[in-house]
Amino acid sequence: MANLKEKVEAEYENIDNLISELPEKERLPFLDFLQLAGVATILHNFYNGIENILKLILKEDHTPLPEGSSWHKNLLNLAVKKRIITELTKYQVGEYLAFRHFFSHAYALDLYAEKVEPLVENLKKVYMDFKNDISDFLNK
């Protein structure tokens, strides 16, 4: 069975593959409906990957995962409490959680390039900050 670092690395590989498929933000206004829906799916999956990593770490620590209707938000709060991520990172990835919630509950017809543009633009920095937090935590 793979150790925690190997499992986290596998998640990083999945996220890296997703990110490589994102168009440059300048192209977003010119994407057709299906292409924009594809970008939204990548953003949704990016956040799912973040959650997967946090859940792996918490399970390894034998920490019960949050339950209930706001478990996604509580997962981020728990990750801060356990010093897995910083408050800043929680705020940054929280933007992707908010989008994930929107994407899961809205019609794709409600997607607009200007809604996804800041998420696409900031994704690589947010991801790097998240990875740095995880590295700091795992290397304690």
Protein backbone atom coordinates (compact mmCIF):
# COMPACT_ATOMS: atom_id res chain seq x y z
CA MET A 1 0.00 0.00 0.00
CA ALA A 2 1.25 3.45 -0.90
CA ASN A 3 2.34 5.73 1.89
CA LEU A 4 0.77 9.14 2.47
CA LYS A 5 3.35 11.08 0.45
CA GLU A 6 2.86 8.74 -2.52
CA LYS A 7 -0.91 9.14 -2.33
CA VAL A 8 -0.57 12.92 -2.18
CA GLU A 9 1.82 12.83 -5.15
CA ALA A 10 -0.73 10.81 -7.13
CA GLU A 11 -3.33 13.48 -6.43
CA TYR A 12 -0.86 16.17 -7.49
CA GLU A 13 -0.30 14.32 -10.75
CA ASN A 14 -4.06 14.29 -11.42
CA ILE A 15 -4.32 18.00 -10.62
CA ASP A 16 -1.29 18.79 -12.81
CA ASN A 17 -2.91 16.96 -15.71
CA LEU A 18 -6.10 18.97 -15.24
CA ILE A 19 -4.27 22.28 -15.08
CA SER A 20 -2.38 21.49 -18.29
CA GLU A 21 -5.73 21.41 -20.11
CA LEU A 22 -6.84 24.88 -19.01
CA PRO A 23 -6.85 27.55 -21.70
CA GLU A 24 -5.14 30.87 -21.12
CA LYS A 25 -7.49 33.37 -19.49
CA GLU A 26 -7.33 35.60 -22.57
CA ARG A 27 -9.11 32.87 -24.57
CA LEU A 28 -12.01 32.51 -22.12
CA PRO A 29 -14.31 35.13 -23.71
CA PHE A 30 -14.00 33.31 -27.03
CA LEU A 31 -14.84 29.81 -25.81
CA ASP A 32 -18.08 28.24 -26.91
CA PHE A 33 -20.60 26.86 -24.44
CA LEU A 34 -19.13 23.35 -24.30
CA GLN A 35 -15.56 24.59 -23.96
CA LEU A 36 -16.55 26.88 -21.09
CA ALA A 37 -18.38 24.00 -19.42
CA GLY A 38 -15.15 22.00 -19.77
CA VAL A 39 -13.18 24.76 -18.03
CA ALA A 40 -15.78 24.80 -15.25
CA THR A 41 -15.43 21.03 -14.87
CA ILE A 42 -11.66 21.38 -14.54
CA LEU A 43 -12.08 24.05 -11.84
CA HIS A 44 -14.57 21.80 -10.03
CA ASN A 45 -12.19 18.84 -10.26
CA PHE A 46 -9.28 20.98 -9.08
CA TYR A 47 -11.12 21.70 -5.86
CA ASN A 48 -12.07 18.04 -5.50
CA GLY A 49 -8.36 17.20 -5.70
CA ILE A 50 -7.62 19.70 -2.93
CA GLU A 51 -10.26 18.04 -0.76
CA ASN A 52 -8.92 14.58 -1.58
CA ILE A 53 -5.48 15.57 -0.32
CA LEU A 54 -6.86 17.07 2.88
CA LYS A 55 -8.96 13.96 3.52
CA LEU A 56 -5.94 11.68 2.96
CA ILE A 57 -3.92 13.62 5.52
CA LEU A 58 -6.72 13.73 8.08
CA LYS A 59 -7.44 10.01 7.71
CA GLU A 60 -3.75 9.23 8.15
CA ASP A 61 -3.90 11.26 11.37
CA HIS A 62 -7.04 9.31 12.44
CA THR A 63 -9.00 12.54 12.55
CA PRO A 64 -12.73 12.10 11.91
CA LEU A 65 -13.84 13.89 8.76
CA PRO A 66 -16.55 16.53 9.05
CA GLU A 67 -20.10 15.52 8.25
CA GLY A 68 -23.33 17.34 7.55
CA SER A 69 -24.43 19.87 5.01
CA SER A 70 -21.42 22.18 5.45
CA TRP A 71 -18.74 19.49 5.62
CA HIS A 72 -16.79 21.00 2.71
CA LYS A 73 -16.36 24.31 4.53
CA ASN A 74 -15.70 22.53 7.82
CA LEU A 75 -12.99 20.44 6.14
CA LEU A 76 -11.08 23.61 5.31
CA ASN A 77 -11.55 24.92 8.85
CA LEU A 78 -10.30 21.63 10.28
CA ALA A 79 -7.26 21.72 7.98
CA VAL A 80 -6.39 25.15 9.37
CA LYS A 81 -6.98 24.01 12.94
CA LYS A 82 -4.64 21.04 12.38
CA ARG A 83 -2.10 23.39 10.75
CA ILE A 84 -2.21 21.52 7.46
CA ILE A 85 -2.93 24.75 5.56
CA THR A 86 -2.74 28.41 6.49
CA GLU A 87 -5.67 30.74 6.92
CA LEU A 88 -4.63 32.48 3.68
CA THR A 89 -4.65 29.21 1.77
CA LYS A 90 -8.06 28.39 3.24
CA TYR A 91 -9.36 31.69 1.92
CA GLN A 92 -7.79 31.13 -1.51
CA VAL A 93 -9.07 27.59 -1.99
CA GLY A 94 -12.39 28.73 -0.52
CA GLU A 95 -12.96 30.64 -3.76
CA TYR A 96 -12.82 27.30 -5.60
CA LEU A 97 -15.13 25.73 -3.02
CA ALA A 98 -17.65 28.51 -3.69
CA PHE A 99 -17.36 27.87 -7.42
CA ARG A 100 -17.70 24.12 -6.86
CA HIS A 101 -20.93 24.76 -4.98
CA PHE A 102 -22.21 27.04 -7.76
CA PHE A 103 -21.22 24.56 -10.46
CA SER A 104 -22.84 21.63 -8.65
CA HIS A 105 -26.14 23.41 -8.16
CA ALA A 106 -26.54 25.64 -11.22
CA TYR A 107 -27.26 24.97 -14.85
CA ALA A 108 -24.32 25.12 -17.22
CA LEU A 109 -26.26 27.83 -19.03
CA ASP A 110 -25.44 30.09 -16.06
CA LEU A 111 -21.70 29.91 -16.78
CA TYR A 112 -20.01 33.04 -18.03
CA ALA A 113 -16.37 33.58 -18.89
CA GLU A 114 -16.12 36.50 -16.48
CA LYS A 115 -17.12 34.17 -13.60
CA VAL A 116 -14.33 31.70 -14.31
CA GLU A 117 -11.65 34.13 -15.45
CA PRO A 118 -10.32 35.08 -11.98
CA LEU A 119 -10.30 31.42 -10.96
CA VAL A 120 -8.31 30.41 -14.03
CA GLU A 121 -5.96 33.37 -13.58
CA ASN A 122 -5.22 32.59 -9.91
CA LEU A 123 -5.26 28.80 -10.03
CA LYS A 124 -1.54 28.17 -10.42
CA LYS A 125 -0.63 30.49 -7.55
CA VAL A 126 -3.30 29.03 -5.27
CA TYR A 127 -2.15 25.54 -6.15
CA MET A 128 1.49 26.42 -5.44
CA ASP A 129 0.56 27.95 -2.08
CA PHE A 130 -1.49 24.87 -1.20
CA LYS A 131 1.35 22.54 -2.17
CA ASN A 132 3.80 24.56 -0.09
CA ASP A 133 1.51 24.30 2.94
CA ILE A 134 1.13 20.55 2.46
CA SER A 135 4.88 20.12 2.04
CA ASP A 136 5.55 22.11 5.21
CA PHE A 137 3.04 19.98 7.11
CA LEU A 138 4.31 16.63 5.82
CA ASN A 139 7.93 17.54 6.48
CA LYS A 140 7.46 18.51 10.14
